[in-house]
Amino acid sequence: MKIDDNLNVVIPLRSDDKGVKLYAYHTPIPKEVFKANSILLAATNTEIGRHGEYFQMGLGPRIATEILIKEAKKESQEADAAALLNEIKRLTTVLVSTESGWEHMPVDAAIRAKKVEQEEWEEVESDLIFFTCHYFLVKLSGREKAMNALMSLLQGLKTSSTITAFINSLQTSTTIGLSETKAA
């Protein structure tokens, strides 16, 4: 799959023996948001990398938000970090399997409706910070390779499908591979 500006990230949140029941569908931050936060994201990425043992144990994604907040405090950029976290939340939609199909809702609405636990969201948020730090800091020529590695680590899916096309593919798919979705 070619990675382009329409790239979206899908992270399974909850499943049972019949399949995934809850996804987080995320549209990556716009280039302008990355540019405005590039120093903070680079500092976060560097700090994650500095603790290579965390990364090797797969903990990098679990601690990415905490490191972002720590780095923001060091640079007196708490407001920037809060704005970035809000933007990541805004660009994420929760997909919930229901008897009548897939329902999609903003993160805050899904938490209020008890479709997603706060702790589940915090894990996904940290995954998305980890993704953002790594994906956007790689040169364009290396992004596809980086994306494949990130999706493997995050157990996520990459798709250029819109949310509607992705949901439609779920209606007809019985299984979804880890690195790409069935074409709609």
N, C-alpha and C. Protein backbone atom coordinates (compact mmCIF):
# COMPACT_ATOMS: atom_id res chain seq x y z
N MET A 1 0.84 -1.17 0.00
CA MET A 1 0.00 0.00 0.00
C MET A 1 0.89 1.24 0.00
N LYS A 2 0.58 2.18 -0.85
CA LYS A 2 1.33 3.43 -0.89
C LYS A 2 0.83 4.34 0.22
N ILE A 3 1.76 4.92 0.94
CA ILE A 3 1.40 5.87 2.00
C ILE A 3 1.25 7.23 1.35
N ASP A 4 0.14 7.88 1.57
CA ASP A 4 -0.07 9.21 1.00
C ASP A 4 -0.71 10.11 2.04
N ASP A 5 -1.11 11.29 1.62
CA ASP A 5 -1.68 12.25 2.56
C ASP A 5 -3.01 11.80 3.14
N ASN A 6 -3.61 10.77 2.59
CA ASN A 6 -4.90 10.28 3.09
C ASN A 6 -4.73 9.14 4.09
N LEU A 7 -3.53 8.95 4.59
CA LEU A 7 -3.26 7.88 5.53
C LEU A 7 -4.08 8.05 6.81
N ASN A 8 -4.64 6.96 7.28
CA ASN A 8 -5.34 6.93 8.56
C ASN A 8 -4.84 5.72 9.33
N VAL A 9 -4.92 5.81 10.64
CA VAL A 9 -4.45 4.75 11.52
C VAL A 9 -5.66 4.19 12.27
N VAL A 10 -5.74 2.88 12.34
CA VAL A 10 -6.82 2.23 13.06
C VAL A 10 -6.20 1.31 14.10
N ILE A 11 -6.60 1.49 15.35
CA ILE A 11 -6.07 0.68 16.44
C ILE A 11 -7.22 -0.09 17.09
N PRO A 12 -7.15 -1.42 17.05
CA PRO A 12 -8.17 -2.20 17.75
C PRO A 12 -8.06 -1.97 19.26
N LEU A 13 -9.19 -1.73 19.90
CA LEU A 13 -9.21 -1.47 21.35
C LEU A 13 -9.69 -2.65 22.17
N ARG A 14 -10.69 -3.32 21.68
CA ARG A 14 -11.30 -4.39 22.47
C ARG A 14 -11.83 -5.45 21.52
N SER A 15 -11.62 -6.71 21.87
CA SER A 15 -12.13 -7.79 21.04
C SER A 15 -12.60 -8.94 21.91
N ASP A 16 -13.31 -9.85 21.28
CA ASP A 16 -13.70 -11.08 21.94
C ASP A 16 -13.49 -12.22 20.95
N ASP A 17 -14.01 -13.39 21.24
CA ASP A 17 -13.77 -14.53 20.35
C ASP A 17 -14.46 -14.37 18.99
N LYS A 18 -15.34 -13.41 18.86
CA LYS A 18 -16.02 -13.17 17.58
C LYS A 18 -15.36 -12.05 16.77
N GLY A 19 -14.35 -11.40 17.33
CA GLY A 19 -13.65 -10.35 16.59
C GLY A 19 -13.56 -9.06 17.36
N VAL A 20 -13.08 -8.03 16.67
CA VAL A 20 -12.90 -6.72 17.29
C VAL A 20 -14.25 -6.05 17.49
N LYS A 21 -14.44 -5.49 18.67
CA LYS A 21 -15.70 -4.83 19.02
C LYS A 21 -15.55 -3.31 19.10
N LEU A 22 -14.29 -2.85 19.14
CA LEU A 22 -14.04 -1.42 19.35
C LEU A 22 -12.74 -1.04 18.67
N TYR A 23 -12.79 0.00 17.84
CA TYR A 23 -11.61 0.52 17.16
C TYR A 23 -11.46 2.01 17.46
N ALA A 24 -10.23 2.48 17.39
CA ALA A 24 -9.97 3.92 17.34
C ALA A 24 -9.49 4.20 15.92
N TYR A 25 -10.19 5.08 15.21
CA TYR A 25 -9.85 5.46 13.84
C TYR A 25 -9.28 6.87 13.93
N HIS A 26 -8.04 7.03 13.51
CA HIS A 26 -7.34 8.30 13.70
C HIS A 26 -6.83 8.85 12.37
N THR A 27 -7.15 10.10 12.13
CA THR A 27 -6.58 10.85 11.02
C THR A 27 -5.38 11.60 11.57
N PRO A 28 -4.19 11.34 11.05
CA PRO A 28 -3.00 12.01 11.59
C PRO A 28 -3.10 13.53 11.54
N ILE A 29 -2.32 14.16 12.43
CA ILE A 29 -2.35 15.62 12.52
C ILE A 29 -1.93 16.25 11.19
N PRO A 30 -2.48 17.41 10.87
CA PRO A 30 -2.06 18.11 9.65
C PRO A 30 -0.60 18.56 9.76
N LYS A 31 0.01 18.79 8.61
CA LYS A 31 1.40 19.23 8.56
C LYS A 31 1.63 20.50 9.38
N GLU A 32 0.67 21.41 9.37
CA GLU A 32 0.81 22.66 10.11
C GLU A 32 0.90 22.41 11.61
N VAL A 33 0.12 21.45 12.09
CA VAL A 33 0.13 21.11 13.52
C VAL A 33 1.46 20.44 13.86
N PHE A 34 1.93 19.59 12.95
CA PHE A 34 3.24 18.98 13.19
C PHE A 34 4.32 20.06 13.26
N LYS A 35 4.31 20.97 12.29
CA LYS A 35 5.34 22.02 12.28
C LYS A 35 5.30 22.85 13.56
N ALA A 36 4.11 23.17 14.04
CA ALA A 36 3.97 23.97 15.25
C ALA A 36 4.46 23.23 16.49
N ASN A 37 4.47 21.90 16.43
CA ASN A 37 4.85 21.08 17.59
C ASN A 37 6.10 20.23 17.33
N SER A 38 6.81 20.50 16.25
CA SER A 38 7.91 19.63 15.85
C SER A 38 9.02 19.54 16.89
N ILE A 39 9.36 20.63 17.55
CA ILE A 39 10.43 20.60 18.55
C ILE A 39 10.00 19.74 19.74
N LEU A 40 8.77 19.92 20.19
CA LEU A 40 8.25 19.12 21.30
C LEU A 40 8.18 17.64 20.93
N LEU A 41 7.72 17.35 19.72
CA LEU A 41 7.65 15.95 19.27
C LEU A 41 9.04 15.35 19.11
N ALA A 42 9.98 16.14 18.62
CA ALA A 42 11.36 15.64 18.48
C ALA A 42 11.97 15.37 19.85
N ALA A 43 11.72 16.25 20.80
CA ALA A 43 12.24 16.05 22.16
C ALA A 43 11.62 14.81 22.79
N THR A 44 10.34 14.59 22.55
CA THR A 44 9.66 13.40 23.06
C THR A 44 10.25 12.15 22.43
N ASN A 45 10.43 12.18 21.12
CA ASN A 45 11.01 11.05 20.40
C ASN A 45 12.42 10.75 20.91
N THR A 46 13.21 11.78 21.11
CA THR A 46 14.58 11.60 21.60
C THR A 46 14.57 10.99 22.99
N GLU A 47 13.70 11.47 23.85
CA GLU A 47 13.63 10.94 25.22
C GLU A 47 13.17 9.49 25.23
N ILE A 48 12.23 9.14 24.37
CA ILE A 48 11.81 7.73 24.27
C ILE A 48 13.01 6.90 23.82
N GLY A 49 13.71 7.38 22.80
CA GLY A 49 14.87 6.66 22.28
C GLY A 49 16.01 6.55 23.27
N ARG A 50 16.14 7.56 24.12
CA ARG A 50 17.20 7.56 25.14
C ARG A 50 17.02 6.41 26.12
N HIS A 51 15.80 5.99 26.28
CA HIS A 51 15.48 4.86 27.15
C HIS A 51 15.23 3.64 26.28
N GLY A 52 16.25 3.21 25.57
CA GLY A 52 16.13 2.11 24.62
C GLY A 52 15.54 0.85 25.21
N GLU A 53 15.78 0.62 26.50
CA GLU A 53 15.24 -0.58 27.13
C GLU A 53 13.72 -0.55 27.15
N TYR A 54 13.12 0.63 27.29
CA TYR A 54 11.66 0.74 27.25
C TYR A 54 11.15 0.38 25.86
N PHE A 55 11.85 0.92 24.87
CA PHE A 55 11.45 0.68 23.49
C PHE A 55 11.55 -0.79 23.17
N GLN A 56 12.64 -1.42 23.55
CA GLN A 56 12.84 -2.84 23.25
C GLN A 56 11.80 -3.71 23.93
N MET A 57 11.30 -3.30 25.07
CA MET A 57 10.27 -4.07 25.77
C MET A 57 8.87 -3.72 25.28
N GLY A 58 8.78 -2.86 24.28
CA GLY A 58 7.48 -2.45 23.75
C GLY A 58 6.78 -1.41 24.61
N LEU A 59 7.51 -0.79 25.52
CA LEU A 59 6.89 0.19 26.42
C LEU A 59 6.88 1.60 25.86
N GLY A 60 7.62 1.85 24.80
CA GLY A 60 7.64 3.19 24.21
C GLY A 60 6.25 3.75 23.97
N PRO A 61 5.38 2.98 23.31
CA PRO A 61 4.02 3.47 23.09
C PRO A 61 3.25 3.72 24.39
N ARG A 62 3.50 2.93 25.41
CA ARG A 62 2.76 3.07 26.67
C ARG A 62 3.14 4.33 27.44
N ILE A 63 4.36 4.84 27.23
CA ILE A 63 4.82 5.97 28.02
C ILE A 63 4.96 7.25 27.21
N ALA A 64 4.56 7.23 25.94
CA ALA A 64 4.77 8.38 25.07
C ALA A 64 4.06 9.64 25.56
N THR A 65 2.83 9.53 26.03
CA THR A 65 2.12 10.72 26.51
C THR A 65 2.81 11.29 27.74
N GLU A 66 3.22 10.43 28.65
CA GLU A 66 3.90 10.90 29.86
C GLU A 66 5.21 11.61 29.52
N ILE A 67 5.93 11.07 28.57
CA ILE A 67 7.19 11.72 28.16
C ILE A 67 6.90 13.05 27.47
N LEU A 68 5.87 13.10 26.63
CA LEU A 68 5.49 14.36 25.99
C LEU A 68 5.19 15.43 27.04
N ILE A 69 4.43 15.08 28.05
CA ILE A 69 4.08 16.03 29.11
C ILE A 69 5.32 16.45 29.88
N LYS A 70 6.19 15.50 30.18
CA LYS A 70 7.45 15.81 30.89
C LYS A 70 8.32 16.76 30.07
N GLU A 71 8.45 16.49 28.78
CA GLU A 71 9.25 17.35 27.91
C GLU A 71 8.62 18.74 27.78
N ALA A 72 7.32 18.79 27.74
CA ALA A 72 6.63 20.09 27.65
C ALA A 72 6.88 20.92 28.90
N LYS A 73 6.87 20.28 30.06
CA LYS A 73 7.14 21.00 31.31
C LYS A 73 8.56 21.54 31.32
N LYS A 74 9.52 20.75 30.82
CA LYS A 74 10.91 21.19 30.77
C LYS A 74 11.06 22.47 29.97
N GLU A 75 10.31 22.57 28.90
CA GLU A 75 10.41 23.70 27.98
C GLU A 75 9.32 24.74 28.20
N SER A 76 8.58 24.62 29.29
CA SER A 76 7.45 25.53 29.56
C SER A 76 6.47 25.57 28.39
N GLN A 77 6.17 24.40 27.85
CA GLN A 77 5.26 24.28 26.72
C GLN A 77 4.02 23.45 27.08
N GLU A 78 3.59 23.53 28.34
CA GLU A 78 2.43 22.74 28.77
C GLU A 78 1.20 23.04 27.94
N ALA A 79 1.00 24.32 27.59
CA ALA A 79 -0.16 24.68 26.79
C ALA A 79 -0.08 24.06 25.40
N ASP A 80 1.14 24.01 24.83
CA ASP A 80 1.31 23.38 23.52
C ASP A 80 1.00 21.89 23.59
N ALA A 81 1.47 21.22 24.63
CA ALA A 81 1.21 19.79 24.79
C ALA A 81 -0.28 19.54 24.96
N ALA A 82 -0.95 20.35 25.75
CA ALA A 82 -2.39 20.19 25.95
C ALA A 82 -3.14 20.38 24.63
N ALA A 83 -2.73 21.39 23.86
CA ALA A 83 -3.37 21.64 22.56
C ALA A 83 -3.14 20.47 21.61
N LEU A 84 -1.92 19.93 21.61
CA LEU A 84 -1.61 18.80 20.74
C LEU A 84 -2.44 17.57 21.15
N LEU A 85 -2.53 17.30 22.43
CA LEU A 85 -3.33 16.16 22.90
C LEU A 85 -4.81 16.35 22.53
N ASN A 86 -5.30 17.57 22.65
CA ASN A 86 -6.69 17.84 22.26
C ASN A 86 -6.90 17.64 20.76
N GLU A 87 -5.89 18.03 19.96
CA GLU A 87 -6.00 17.86 18.51
C GLU A 87 -5.99 16.37 18.15
N ILE A 88 -5.15 15.60 18.81
CA ILE A 88 -5.13 14.16 18.55
C ILE A 88 -6.47 13.53 18.93
N LYS A 89 -7.04 13.97 20.04
CA LYS A 89 -8.36 13.46 20.44
C LYS A 89 -9.43 13.87 19.42
N ARG A 90 -9.36 15.11 18.95
CA ARG A 90 -10.34 15.60 17.98
C ARG A 90 -10.28 14.81 16.68
N LEU A 91 -9.08 14.37 16.30
CA LEU A 91 -8.89 13.66 15.05
C LEU A 91 -9.10 12.15 15.18
N THR A 92 -9.57 11.71 16.33
CA THR A 92 -9.80 10.29 16.58
C THR A 92 -11.30 10.03 16.77
N THR A 93 -11.77 8.99 16.15
CA THR A 93 -13.17 8.57 16.26
C THR A 93 -13.19 7.14 16.78
N VAL A 94 -14.11 6.87 17.68
CA VAL A 94 -14.26 5.52 18.22
C VAL A 94 -15.34 4.81 17.40
N LEU A 95 -15.00 3.61 16.95
CA LEU A 95 -15.95 2.77 16.21
C LEU A 95 -16.39 1.65 17.14
N VAL A 96 -17.70 1.55 17.35
CA VAL A 96 -18.26 0.58 18.29
C VAL A 96 -19.16 -0.39 17.53
N SER A 97 -18.89 -1.68 17.71
CA SER A 97 -19.73 -2.70 17.09
C SER A 97 -21.04 -2.80 17.87
N THR A 98 -22.15 -2.67 17.15
CA THR A 98 -23.46 -2.82 17.77
C THR A 98 -24.24 -3.87 16.98
N GLU A 99 -25.38 -4.25 17.48
CA GLU A 99 -26.20 -5.24 16.78
C GLU A 99 -26.66 -4.74 15.42
N SER A 100 -26.75 -3.41 15.27
CA SER A 100 -27.21 -2.85 14.00
C SER A 100 -26.07 -2.37 13.11
N GLY A 101 -24.84 -2.66 13.48
CA GLY A 101 -23.70 -2.23 12.66
C GLY A 101 -22.68 -1.48 13.49
N TRP A 102 -21.86 -0.72 12.82
CA TRP A 102 -20.80 0.05 13.49
C TRP A 102 -21.24 1.48 13.73
N GLU A 103 -21.18 1.87 14.97
CA GLU A 103 -21.50 3.24 15.37
C GLU A 103 -20.17 3.97 15.53
N HIS A 104 -20.12 5.24 15.11
CA HIS A 104 -18.89 6.00 15.34
C HIS A 104 -19.22 7.28 16.10
N MET A 105 -18.30 7.62 17.02
CA MET A 105 -18.52 8.79 17.87
C MET A 105 -17.20 9.39 18.30
N PRO A 106 -17.20 10.69 18.63
CA PRO A 106 -15.99 11.32 19.15
C PRO A 106 -15.56 10.65 20.46
N VAL A 107 -14.29 10.76 20.77
CA VAL A 107 -13.73 10.11 21.95
C VAL A 107 -14.48 10.50 23.22
N ASP A 108 -14.65 11.81 23.46
CA ASP A 108 -15.32 12.24 24.69
C ASP A 108 -16.73 11.68 24.80
N ALA A 109 -17.46 11.65 23.68
CA ALA A 109 -18.82 11.10 23.70
C ALA A 109 -18.78 9.60 24.00
N ALA A 110 -17.80 8.89 23.44
CA ALA A 110 -17.67 7.45 23.70
C ALA A 110 -17.33 7.18 25.17
N ILE A 111 -16.52 8.05 25.76
CA ILE A 111 -16.20 7.89 27.19
C ILE A 111 -17.43 8.17 28.04
N ARG A 112 -18.15 9.26 27.73
CA ARG A 112 -19.37 9.60 28.49
C ARG A 112 -20.42 8.50 28.38
N ALA A 113 -20.51 7.89 27.19
CA ALA A 113 -21.49 6.82 26.97
C ALA A 113 -21.00 5.47 27.50
N LYS A 114 -19.81 5.48 28.08
CA LYS A 114 -19.21 4.27 28.66
C LYS A 114 -18.96 3.18 27.61
N LYS A 115 -18.75 3.62 26.37
CA LYS A 115 -18.35 2.69 25.31
C LYS A 115 -16.85 2.43 25.39
N VAL A 116 -16.11 3.43 25.91
CA VAL A 116 -14.66 3.35 26.08
C VAL A 116 -14.34 3.78 27.50
N GLU A 117 -13.49 3.04 28.15
CA GLU A 117 -13.01 3.42 29.48
C GLU A 117 -11.93 4.49 29.32
N GLN A 118 -11.82 5.37 30.29
CA GLN A 118 -10.79 6.42 30.25
C GLN A 118 -9.40 5.81 30.08
N GLU A 119 -9.13 4.72 30.77
CA GLU A 119 -7.82 4.07 30.68
C GLU A 119 -7.56 3.52 29.28
N GLU A 120 -8.60 3.00 28.62
CA GLU A 120 -8.44 2.54 27.23
C GLU A 120 -8.05 3.70 26.34
N TRP A 121 -8.74 4.85 26.52
CA TRP A 121 -8.41 6.02 25.71
C TRP A 121 -6.97 6.46 25.97
N GLU A 122 -6.55 6.48 27.21
CA GLU A 122 -5.19 6.92 27.53
C GLU A 122 -4.15 6.03 26.86
N GLU A 123 -4.41 4.74 26.77
CA GLU A 123 -3.49 3.83 26.07
C GLU A 123 -3.43 4.19 24.58
N VAL A 124 -4.59 4.40 23.97
CA VAL A 124 -4.63 4.75 22.55
C VAL A 124 -3.98 6.11 22.32
N GLU A 125 -4.26 7.07 23.18
CA GLU A 125 -3.67 8.40 23.06
C GLU A 125 -2.14 8.29 23.07
N SER A 126 -1.61 7.49 23.97
CA SER A 126 -0.17 7.31 24.04
C SER A 126 0.36 6.62 22.78
N ASP A 127 -0.37 5.63 22.27
CA ASP A 127 0.01 4.99 21.00
C ASP A 127 0.07 6.03 19.89
N LEU A 128 -0.92 6.92 19.85
CA LEU A 128 -0.98 7.92 18.79
C LEU A 128 0.12 8.98 18.93
N ILE A 129 0.49 9.32 20.15
CA ILE A 129 1.64 10.22 20.35
C ILE A 129 2.90 9.53 19.85
N PHE A 130 3.09 8.27 20.21
CA PHE A 130 4.24 7.49 19.76
C PHE A 130 4.28 7.46 18.23
N PHE A 131 3.14 7.15 17.62
CA PHE A 131 3.04 7.13 16.16
C PHE A 131 3.42 8.49 15.58
N THR A 132 2.85 9.55 16.11
CA THR A 132 3.08 10.89 15.60
C THR A 132 4.56 11.28 15.69
N CYS A 133 5.16 10.99 16.83
CA CYS A 133 6.59 11.30 17.01
C CYS A 133 7.44 10.59 15.98
N HIS A 134 7.17 9.34 15.74
CA HIS A 134 8.02 8.55 14.86
C HIS A 134 7.72 8.77 13.39
N TYR A 135 6.46 8.76 13.03
CA TYR A 135 6.10 8.84 11.62
C TYR A 135 6.49 10.18 10.99
N PHE A 136 6.15 11.26 11.65
CA PHE A 136 6.39 12.57 11.06
C PHE A 136 7.84 13.00 11.10
N LEU A 137 8.66 12.39 11.92
CA LEU A 137 10.07 12.76 11.99
C LEU A 137 10.93 11.99 10.99
N VAL A 138 10.35 11.01 10.31
CA VAL A 138 11.07 10.23 9.31
C VAL A 138 10.97 10.96 7.96
N LYS A 139 12.05 10.93 7.19
CA LYS A 139 12.02 11.50 5.84
C LYS A 139 10.92 10.83 5.02
N LEU A 140 10.39 11.55 4.06
CA LEU A 140 9.34 11.00 3.20
C LEU A 140 9.72 9.66 2.60
N SER A 141 10.97 9.53 2.17
CA SER A 141 11.40 8.30 1.52
C SER A 141 11.39 7.09 2.46
N GLY A 142 11.41 7.31 3.76
CA GLY A 142 11.42 6.21 4.72
C GLY A 142 10.11 5.99 5.43
N ARG A 143 9.10 6.75 5.07
CA ARG A 143 7.84 6.68 5.82
C ARG A 143 7.09 5.36 5.65
N GLU A 144 7.11 4.79 4.47
CA GLU A 144 6.36 3.54 4.31
C GLU A 144 6.97 2.45 5.18
N LYS A 145 8.29 2.35 5.19
CA LYS A 145 8.96 1.35 6.04
C LYS A 145 8.67 1.65 7.52
N ALA A 146 8.74 2.92 7.90
CA ALA A 146 8.44 3.29 9.28
C ALA A 146 7.00 2.95 9.64
N MET A 147 6.08 3.22 8.72
CA MET A 147 4.66 2.93 8.97
C MET A 147 4.44 1.44 9.21
N ASN A 148 5.06 0.62 8.39
CA ASN A 148 4.89 -0.83 8.57
C ASN A 148 5.41 -1.27 9.93
N ALA A 149 6.56 -0.75 10.34
CA ALA A 149 7.12 -1.11 11.65
C ALA A 149 6.23 -0.60 12.78
N LEU A 150 5.74 0.63 12.65
CA LEU A 150 4.87 1.20 13.69
C LEU A 150 3.57 0.42 13.82
N MET A 151 2.97 0.07 12.70
CA MET A 151 1.70 -0.66 12.76
C MET A 151 1.90 -2.04 13.37
N SER A 152 3.04 -2.66 13.09
CA SER A 152 3.34 -3.95 13.71
C SER A 152 3.48 -3.80 15.22
N LEU A 153 4.21 -2.79 15.64
CA LEU A 153 4.42 -2.55 17.07
C LEU A 153 3.12 -2.19 17.78
N LEU A 154 2.31 -1.35 17.15
CA LEU A 154 1.06 -0.89 17.77
C LEU A 154 -0.10 -1.86 17.54
N GLN A 155 0.14 -2.92 16.78
CA GLN A 155 -0.91 -3.87 16.39
C GLN A 155 -2.07 -3.13 15.73
N GLY A 156 -1.71 -2.15 14.91
CA GLY A 156 -2.70 -1.33 14.25
C GLY A 156 -2.81 -1.62 12.77
N LEU A 157 -3.68 -0.88 12.14
CA LEU A 157 -3.94 -1.00 10.72
C LEU A 157 -3.64 0.34 10.07
N LYS A 158 -3.12 0.32 8.86
CA LYS A 158 -3.00 1.54 8.09
C LYS A 158 -4.02 1.46 6.97
N THR A 159 -4.65 2.56 6.69
CA THR A 159 -5.63 2.57 5.62
C THR A 159 -5.72 3.96 5.02
N SER A 160 -5.96 4.01 3.73
CA SER A 160 -6.24 5.29 3.08
C SER A 160 -7.74 5.44 2.90
N SER A 161 -8.50 4.48 3.43
CA SER A 161 -9.96 4.54 3.35
C SER A 161 -10.51 5.64 4.26
N THR A 162 -11.60 6.24 3.81
CA THR A 162 -12.32 7.15 4.69
C THR A 162 -12.95 6.32 5.80
N ILE A 163 -13.45 6.97 6.82
CA ILE A 163 -14.07 6.24 7.93
C ILE A 163 -15.28 5.44 7.42
N THR A 164 -16.05 6.02 6.50
CA THR A 164 -17.21 5.31 5.95
C THR A 164 -16.78 4.08 5.17
N ALA A 165 -15.76 4.22 4.33
CA ALA A 165 -15.27 3.07 3.57
C ALA A 165 -14.70 2.00 4.50
N PHE A 166 -14.00 2.44 5.54
CA PHE A 166 -13.45 1.47 6.49
C PHE A 166 -14.58 0.71 7.19
N ILE A 167 -15.60 1.43 7.65
CA ILE A 167 -16.74 0.77 8.30
C ILE A 167 -17.41 -0.20 7.31
N ASN A 168 -17.58 0.22 6.06
CA ASN A 168 -18.18 -0.66 5.06
C ASN A 168 -17.34 -1.92 4.86
N SER A 169 -16.02 -1.79 4.93
CA SER A 169 -15.17 -2.98 4.78
C SER A 169 -15.34 -3.91 5.98
N LEU A 170 -15.63 -3.36 7.14
CA LEU A 170 -15.87 -4.19 8.32
C LEU A 170 -17.16 -4.97 8.18
N GLN A 171 -18.13 -4.42 7.50
CA GLN A 171 -19.42 -5.09 7.32
C GLN A 171 -19.26 -6.38 6.52
N THR A 172 -18.27 -6.40 5.59
CA THR A 172 -18.13 -7.54 4.70
C THR A 172 -16.91 -8.40 5.02
N SER A 173 -16.04 -7.92 5.88
CA SER A 173 -14.82 -8.66 6.19
C SER A 173 -15.05 -9.59 7.37
N THR A 174 -14.37 -10.71 7.34
CA THR A 174 -14.40 -11.60 8.49
C THR A 174 -13.12 -11.46 9.29
N THR A 175 -12.02 -11.14 8.62
CA THR A 175 -10.77 -10.88 9.33
C THR A 175 -10.09 -9.70 8.67
N ILE A 176 -9.29 -9.01 9.45
CA ILE A 176 -8.55 -7.87 8.94
C ILE A 176 -7.10 -8.08 9.29
N GLY A 177 -6.23 -7.97 8.28
CA GLY A 177 -4.79 -8.11 8.51
C GLY A 177 -4.26 -6.96 9.34
N LEU A 178 -3.06 -7.14 9.87
CA LEU A 178 -2.48 -6.11 10.74
C LEU A 178 -1.96 -4.91 10.00
N SER A 179 -1.71 -4.98 8.70
CA SER A 179 -1.10 -3.85 8.05
C SER A 179 -1.95 -3.20 6.97
N GLU A 180 -3.06 -3.79 6.62
CA GLU A 180 -3.92 -3.15 5.67
C GLU A 180 -5.34 -3.69 5.78
N THR A 181 -6.29 -2.90 5.34
CA THR A 181 -7.69 -3.32 5.41
C THR A 181 -8.13 -3.87 4.07
N LYS A 182 -9.19 -4.64 4.10
CA LYS A 182 -9.78 -5.14 2.87
C LYS A 182 -10.33 -3.97 2.07
N ALA A 183 -10.13 -3.94 0.81
CA ALA A 183 -10.62 -2.84 -0.03
C ALA A 183 -12.13 -2.77 0.04
N ALA A 184 -12.62 -1.54 0.11
CA ALA A 184 -14.06 -1.33 0.19
C ALA A 184 -14.71 -1.47 -1.17
